Amino acid sequence: MIELVRTNDPVMISWLTCHLEAAGVEFMVFDTHTSILEGSIGAIPQRVMILEEQDAEARMVLSRLPSGVAECRPEEPSPEAGGGVPDLSADPVMS
């Protein structure tokens, strides 16, 4: 495995892992527990590790990292695929 990114930003890790999974890239997040044990002071960043063979795909996903907070949703199925995905976009707390 090789390191794709090292960061203390939990939003970036969440966004990145969501999109890596959607792209079919295998990954692991290292140092999560160590980072938490250190009191989340930012001394020990978390590392997103990928398979070396999937480096190009992972870097493509990383290149789409937005400057703000991104929302990760699965792609909508085509009508030909049949079935449907329930609309989970409404906030149940605000309804």
C-alpha atoms as a PDB file:
ATOM      1  CA  MET A   1       0.000   0.000   0.000  1.00  0.00           C
ATOM      2  CA  ILE A   2       1.056   3.547  -0.648  1.00  0.00           C
ATOM      3  CA  GLU A   3       0.004   6.800   0.967  1.00  0.00           C
ATOM      4  CA  LEU A   4      -2.498   8.860  -0.999  1.00  0.00           C
ATOM      5  CA  VAL A   5      -2.965  11.672   1.503  1.00  0.00           C
ATOM      6  CA  ARG A   6      -2.080  12.599   5.079  1.00  0.00           C
ATOM      7  CA  THR A   7      -4.370  15.047   6.835  1.00  0.00           C
ATOM      8  CA  ASN A   8      -6.000  16.109  10.091  1.00  0.00           C
ATOM      9  CA  ASP A   9      -9.160  17.212   8.264  1.00  0.00           C
ATOM     10  CA  PRO A  10     -11.968  14.747   9.116  1.00  0.00           C
ATOM     11  CA  VAL A  11     -14.241  16.221   6.442  1.00  0.00           C
ATOM     12  CA  MET A  12     -11.632  15.613   3.758  1.00  0.00           C
ATOM     13  CA  ILE A  13     -11.110  12.034   4.927  1.00  0.00           C
ATOM     14  CA  SER A  14     -14.858  11.403   4.952  1.00  0.00           C
ATOM     15  CA  TRP A  15     -15.311  12.894   1.460  1.00  0.00           C
ATOM     16  CA  LEU A  16     -12.307  11.101   0.049  1.00  0.00           C
ATOM     17  CA  THR A  17     -13.130   7.674   1.462  1.00  0.00           C
ATOM     18  CA  CYS A  18     -16.730   7.972   0.274  1.00  0.00           C
ATOM     19  CA  HIS A  19     -15.641   8.787  -3.273  1.00  0.00           C
ATOM     20  CA  LEU A  20     -12.834   6.218  -3.316  1.00  0.00           C
ATOM     21  CA  GLU A  21     -15.353   3.566  -2.336  1.00  0.00           C
ATOM     22  CA  ALA A  22     -17.766   4.727  -5.049  1.00  0.00           C
ATOM     23  CA  ALA A  23     -14.929   4.521  -7.605  1.00  0.00           C
ATOM     24  CA  GLY A  24     -14.061   0.979  -6.526  1.00  0.00           C
ATOM     25  CA  VAL A  25     -10.655   1.923  -5.120  1.00  0.00           C
ATOM     26  CA  GLU A  26      -9.527  -0.196  -2.170  1.00  0.00           C
ATOM     27  CA  PHE A  27      -8.208   1.890   0.720  1.00  0.00           C
ATOM     28  CA  MET A  28      -7.487   1.875   4.430  1.00  0.00           C
ATOM     29  CA  VAL A  29      -7.283   4.789   6.847  1.00  0.00           C
ATOM     30  CA  PHE A  30      -4.262   4.488   9.127  1.00  0.00           C
ATOM     31  CA  ASP A  31      -3.583   6.244  12.444  1.00  0.00           C
ATOM     32  CA  THR A  32      -7.226   7.062  13.228  1.00  0.00           C
ATOM     33  CA  HIS A  33      -7.087   5.731  16.779  1.00  0.00           C
ATOM     34  CA  THR A  34      -3.660   7.171  17.478  1.00  0.00           C
ATOM     35  CA  SER A  35      -4.856  10.557  16.302  1.00  0.00           C
ATOM     36  CA  ILE A  36      -7.866  10.334  18.626  1.00  0.00           C
ATOM     37  CA  LEU A  37      -5.754   9.186  21.581  1.00  0.00           C
ATOM     38  CA  GLU A  38      -3.527  12.231  21.200  1.00  0.00           C
ATOM     39  CA  GLY A  39      -6.553  14.399  21.923  1.00  0.00           C
ATOM     40  CA  SER A  40      -7.179  15.432  18.318  1.00  0.00           C
ATOM     41  CA  ILE A  41      -4.667  18.259  18.681  1.00  0.00           C
ATOM     42  CA  GLY A  42      -3.427  17.667  15.155  1.00  0.00           C
ATOM     43  CA  ALA A  43      -0.079  16.199  16.131  1.00  0.00           C
ATOM     44  CA  ILE A  44      -0.672  12.895  14.354  1.00  0.00           C
ATOM     45  CA  PRO A  45      -2.483  13.120  11.012  1.00  0.00           C
ATOM     46  CA  GLN A  46      -4.488  10.255   9.580  1.00  0.00           C
ATOM     47  CA  ARG A  47      -3.266   8.578   6.383  1.00  0.00           C
ATOM     48  CA  VAL A  48      -5.409   7.283   3.533  1.00  0.00           C
ATOM     49  CA  MET A  49      -3.571   4.324   2.021  1.00  0.00           C
ATOM     50  CA  ILE A  50      -4.349   2.736  -1.359  1.00  0.00           C
ATOM     51  CA  LEU A  51      -3.123  -0.163  -3.440  1.00  0.00           C
ATOM     52  CA  GLU A  52      -0.252   0.883  -5.669  1.00  0.00           C
ATOM     53  CA  GLU A  53      -2.043  -0.556  -8.718  1.00  0.00           C
ATOM     54  CA  GLN A  54      -4.975   1.813  -8.143  1.00  0.00           C
ATOM     55  CA  ASP A  55      -2.891   4.972  -7.812  1.00  0.00           C
ATOM     56  CA  ALA A  56      -4.160   6.543 -11.058  1.00  0.00           C
ATOM     57  CA  GLU A  57      -7.821   6.021 -10.157  1.00  0.00           C
ATOM     58  CA  ALA A  58      -7.296   7.315  -6.627  1.00  0.00           C
ATOM     59  CA  ARG A  59      -5.461  10.428  -7.841  1.00  0.00           C
ATOM     60  CA  MET A  60      -8.339  11.095 -10.267  1.00  0.00           C
ATOM     61  CA  VAL A  61     -10.759  11.044  -7.319  1.00  0.00           C
ATOM     62  CA  LEU A  62      -8.418  13.265  -5.286  1.00  0.00           C
ATOM     63  CA  SER A  63      -8.202  15.773  -8.141  1.00  0.00           C
ATOM     64  CA  ARG A  64     -11.980  16.322  -7.859  1.00  0.00           C
ATOM     65  CA  LEU A  65     -11.708  17.375  -4.206  1.00  0.00           C
ATOM     66  CA  PRO A  66     -13.853  20.513  -3.847  1.00  0.00           C
ATOM     67  CA  SER A  67     -12.706  23.596  -2.016  1.00  0.00           C
ATOM     68  CA  GLY A  68     -15.786  23.449   0.237  1.00  0.00           C
ATOM     69  CA  VAL A  69     -17.722  20.692   1.891  1.00  0.00           C
ATOM     70  CA  ALA A  70     -18.844  18.063  -0.597  1.00  0.00           C
ATOM     71  CA  GLU A  71     -21.802  15.779  -0.301  1.00  0.00           C
ATOM     72  CA  CYS A  72     -21.334  12.181  -1.390  1.00  0.00           C
ATOM     73  CA  ARG A  73     -24.338  10.370  -2.753  1.00  0.00           C
ATOM     74  CA  PRO A  74     -24.548   7.200  -4.799  1.00  0.00           C
ATOM     75  CA  GLU A  75     -25.256   7.649  -8.484  1.00  0.00           C
ATOM     76  CA  GLU A  76     -28.915   7.488  -9.463  1.00  0.00           C
ATOM     77  CA  PRO A  77     -29.784   4.227 -11.216  1.00  0.00           C
ATOM     78  CA  SER A  78     -30.902   4.466 -14.821  1.00  0.00           C
ATOM     79  CA  PRO A  79     -34.599   3.804 -15.513  1.00  0.00           C
ATOM     80  CA  GLU A  80     -33.554   0.749 -17.541  1.00  0.00           C
ATOM     81  CA  ALA A  81     -31.893  -0.772 -14.472  1.00  0.00           C
ATOM     82  CA  GLY A  82     -35.242  -1.081 -12.726  1.00  0.00           C
ATOM     83  CA  GLY A  83     -35.920  -0.500  -9.108  1.00  0.00           C
ATOM     84  CA  GLY A  84     -35.513   2.804  -7.419  1.00  0.00           C
ATOM     85  CA  VAL A  85     -33.624   4.544  -4.722  1.00  0.00           C
ATOM     86  CA  PRO A  86     -35.644   6.307  -2.065  1.00  0.00           C
ATOM     87  CA  ASP A  87     -35.112  10.053  -1.880  1.00  0.00           C
ATOM     88  CA  LEU A  88     -33.073  10.616   1.280  1.00  0.00           C
ATOM     89  CA  SER A  89     -32.295  14.251   0.513  1.00  0.00           C
ATOM     90  CA  ALA A  90     -34.954  15.669   2.824  1.00  0.00           C
ATOM     91  CA  ASP A  91     -33.749  16.326   6.348  1.00  0.00           C
ATOM     92  CA  PRO A  92     -36.100  14.386   8.671  1.00  0.00           C
ATOM     93  CA  VAL A  93     -35.344  16.752  11.534  1.00  0.00           C
ATOM     94  CA  MET A  94     -36.371  19.813   9.530  1.00  0.00           C
ATOM     95  CA  SER A  95     -39.536  18.206   8.069  1.00  0.00           C
END
